[in-house]
Amino acid sequence: MKQPFAIWDNRYSIGIKIVDDQHKELFSIANDLYDACQGANAVTTEHFKAVLQKAINYVGLHFSTEERIMKKTNDPEFEIHQAEHDRFVKKVMEEAASLNHGDEDAPELFMTFLRNWISDHVTGTDIKIGQHVEDLRKKGLLKEDMIL
């Protein structure tokens, strides 16, 4: 059995179920992308582009969810976090252009960037959303159903 490219584990959990579930899905999509970029034929390239488009769409949904939670809870890190999301989207669009130009190293470089970014972003930035929400819960200022 082959090893997944990106592996979810509990260190990525931020304590907000919907965000954790979306992060798990992002790991799954990253693995699908990695599988799709293995090979160099036209069918593989088209499949990779289709999976990449699915990933881009899902990332948009996920970022929207995080940002909605942050706005609703008056998270003081909102603007910094949103800017990080915006930089990621810009980078992905630049990388997608490289992929479309047929650079044969581009898929592997893109996948390494993606895995590192997801890991660093979740453990370094997203975890702060969970901490902020947990602080509000402990103070009795937020109930579970209030975050979305």
Protein backbone atom coordinates (compact mmCIF):
# COMPACT_ATOMS: atom_id res chain seq x y z
CA MET A 1 0.00 0.00 0.00
CA LYS A 2 1.39 3.37 -0.97
CA GLN A 3 2.00 6.09 1.60
CA PRO A 4 -0.25 9.19 1.35
CA PHE A 5 1.51 12.42 0.39
CA ALA A 6 -0.11 14.42 3.21
CA ILE A 7 -1.20 12.74 6.43
CA TRP A 8 -3.74 14.20 8.85
CA ASP A 9 -3.08 13.78 12.53
CA ASN A 10 -4.41 15.39 15.69
CA ARG A 11 -1.74 18.09 15.81
CA TYR A 12 -3.73 19.74 13.01
CA SER A 13 -6.95 19.86 15.04
CA ILE A 14 -7.93 23.39 16.05
CA GLY A 15 -10.98 22.32 18.07
CA ILE A 16 -13.67 23.64 15.73
CA LYS A 17 -15.41 20.67 14.13
CA ILE A 18 -16.34 22.25 10.80
CA VAL A 19 -12.82 23.63 10.30
CA ASP A 20 -11.19 20.36 11.34
CA ASP A 21 -13.45 18.45 8.94
CA GLN A 22 -12.54 20.85 6.14
CA HIS A 23 -8.85 20.52 6.95
CA LYS A 24 -9.19 16.73 6.72
CA GLU A 25 -10.82 17.17 3.31
CA LEU A 26 -7.98 19.46 2.23
CA PHE A 27 -5.49 16.74 3.15
CA SER A 28 -7.52 14.27 1.09
CA ILE A 29 -7.60 16.65 -1.88
CA ALA A 30 -3.83 17.20 -1.55
CA ASN A 31 -3.38 13.43 -1.78
CA ASP A 32 -5.66 13.32 -4.83
CA LEU A 33 -3.59 16.09 -6.43
CA TYR A 34 -0.38 14.25 -5.71
CA ASP A 35 -1.75 11.04 -7.21
CA ALA A 36 -2.96 12.99 -10.26
CA CYS A 37 0.48 14.49 -10.95
CA GLN A 38 2.20 11.11 -11.05
CA GLY A 39 2.88 10.49 -14.73
CA ALA A 40 3.40 12.67 -17.76
CA ASN A 41 0.71 11.81 -20.27
CA ALA A 42 -2.12 14.04 -21.49
CA VAL A 43 -4.81 12.12 -19.60
CA THR A 44 -2.88 12.59 -16.35
CA THR A 45 -2.37 16.29 -17.08
CA GLU A 46 -6.08 16.83 -17.70
CA HIS A 47 -6.97 14.84 -14.59
CA PHE A 48 -4.48 16.89 -12.54
CA LYS A 49 -6.03 20.13 -13.84
CA ALA A 50 -9.52 18.88 -12.91
CA VAL A 51 -8.40 17.90 -9.40
CA LEU A 52 -6.55 21.23 -9.07
CA GLN A 53 -9.75 23.10 -9.96
CA LYS A 54 -11.63 21.08 -7.33
CA ALA A 55 -8.93 22.01 -4.82
CA ILE A 56 -9.13 25.70 -5.69
CA ASN A 57 -12.90 25.67 -5.29
CA TYR A 58 -12.72 23.84 -1.97
CA VAL A 59 -10.02 26.15 -0.63
CA GLY A 60 -12.31 29.09 -1.42
CA LEU A 61 -15.11 27.49 0.58
CA HIS A 62 -12.74 26.69 3.43
CA PHE A 63 -11.21 30.16 3.62
CA SER A 64 -14.70 31.64 3.58
CA THR A 65 -15.69 29.42 6.53
CA GLU A 66 -12.64 30.42 8.57
CA GLU A 67 -13.07 34.10 7.81
CA ARG A 68 -16.79 33.99 8.67
CA ILE A 69 -15.96 32.41 12.04
CA MET A 70 -13.28 35.02 12.67
CA LYS A 71 -15.64 37.90 11.82
CA LYS A 72 -18.43 36.49 13.95
CA THR A 73 -16.14 36.10 16.96
CA ASN A 74 -14.36 39.44 16.44
CA ASP A 75 -11.04 37.66 16.14
CA PRO A 76 -8.26 40.25 16.47
CA GLU A 77 -6.11 38.31 13.95
CA PHE A 78 -8.74 38.52 11.17
CA GLU A 79 -6.94 40.94 8.85
CA ILE A 80 -3.58 39.19 9.20
CA HIS A 81 -5.20 35.81 8.58
CA GLN A 82 -7.18 37.05 5.60
CA ALA A 83 -4.01 38.54 4.09
CA GLU A 84 -2.30 35.16 4.47
CA HIS A 85 -5.21 33.52 2.64
CA ASP A 86 -4.96 36.13 -0.12
CA ARG A 87 -1.21 35.53 -0.53
CA PHE A 88 -1.84 31.78 -0.75
CA VAL A 89 -4.47 32.21 -3.47
CA LYS A 90 -2.12 34.47 -5.44
CA LYS A 91 0.71 31.93 -5.14
CA VAL A 92 -1.55 29.07 -6.23
CA MET A 93 -2.65 31.05 -9.29
CA GLU A 94 1.01 31.70 -10.18
CA GLU A 95 1.84 28.03 -9.71
CA ALA A 96 -1.18 27.00 -11.80
CA ALA A 97 0.21 29.12 -14.64
CA SER A 98 3.52 27.21 -14.38
CA LEU A 99 1.61 23.96 -14.50
CA ASN A 100 -0.17 25.08 -17.66
CA HIS A 101 3.14 25.94 -19.35
CA GLY A 102 4.24 22.32 -19.18
CA ASP A 103 7.19 22.68 -16.80
CA GLU A 104 7.72 19.03 -15.88
CA ASP A 105 9.06 19.87 -12.40
CA ALA A 106 6.13 22.17 -11.64
CA PRO A 107 3.71 19.54 -10.26
CA GLU A 108 6.22 18.16 -7.75
CA LEU A 109 7.31 21.65 -6.67
CA PHE A 110 3.69 22.72 -6.37
CA MET A 111 2.80 19.69 -4.26
CA THR A 112 5.73 20.27 -1.91
CA PHE A 113 4.70 23.92 -1.55
CA LEU A 114 1.09 22.88 -0.90
CA ARG A 115 1.92 20.29 1.74
CA ASN A 116 4.28 22.66 3.57
CA TRP A 117 1.84 25.57 3.39
CA ILE A 118 -1.10 23.54 4.71
CA SER A 119 0.95 22.16 7.58
CA ASP A 120 2.49 25.51 8.53
CA HIS A 121 -0.76 27.45 8.13
CA VAL A 122 -2.87 25.06 10.19
CA THR A 123 -0.35 24.65 13.02
CA GLY A 124 0.84 28.25 13.06
CA THR A 125 -2.13 30.38 12.03
CA ASP A 126 -5.39 28.41 12.10
CA ILE A 127 -4.67 27.09 15.57
CA LYS A 128 -5.09 30.68 16.80
CA ILE A 129 -8.72 30.65 15.63
CA GLY A 130 -9.33 27.61 17.79
CA GLN A 131 -7.61 29.24 20.76
CA HIS A 132 -9.67 32.42 20.34
CA VAL A 133 -12.92 30.47 20.12
CA GLU A 134 -11.98 28.33 23.12
CA ASP A 135 -11.20 31.46 25.17
CA LEU A 136 -14.65 32.86 24.33
CA ARG A 137 -16.30 29.55 25.26
CA LYS A 138 -14.48 29.44 28.62
CA LYS A 139 -15.68 32.96 29.37
CA GLY A 140 -19.25 31.92 28.50
CA LEU A 141 -19.36 34.36 25.59
CA LEU A 142 -19.80 31.79 22.84
CA LYS A 143 -21.83 28.66 22.34
CA GLU A 144 -20.97 26.03 19.72
CA ASP A 145 -23.90 26.88 17.45
CA MET A 146 -22.95 30.57 17.42
CA ILE A 147 -19.75 30.29 15.39
CA LEU A 148 -21.40 29.88 11.99
